[in-house]
């Protein structure tokens, strides 16, 4: 998934789970998305094993939650929901082409 799409997805999730401070933290959410994508692209560039790639995906999810709590001052519950939803949607979007290809 592209950088812009990931950033928009994270912003939409933060906006939907949070009440009222989206405008104040908008740029922080985009920076967090950029950091996470840079981490994942770095792991992909290294050409590591599938287990390490999954560990990086889990690590990026934890990083999202930690940065939303520490930097954006969201509650832990909201940050957990956003990070878990972001992970779930990205995994689903990643698996969708594989499933469609198998069905064709």
Foldseek 3Di string as FASTA:
>chain_A
DDLVVLLVLLLVLLVVLDPDCSVVCSVVSSVLSVVLVVQLVVVVVVVDDPVVSVVSLVVSLVSQLVCCCPPVVDDSVSSNSSSVVSSVVVVCVVCVVVVVVVVD
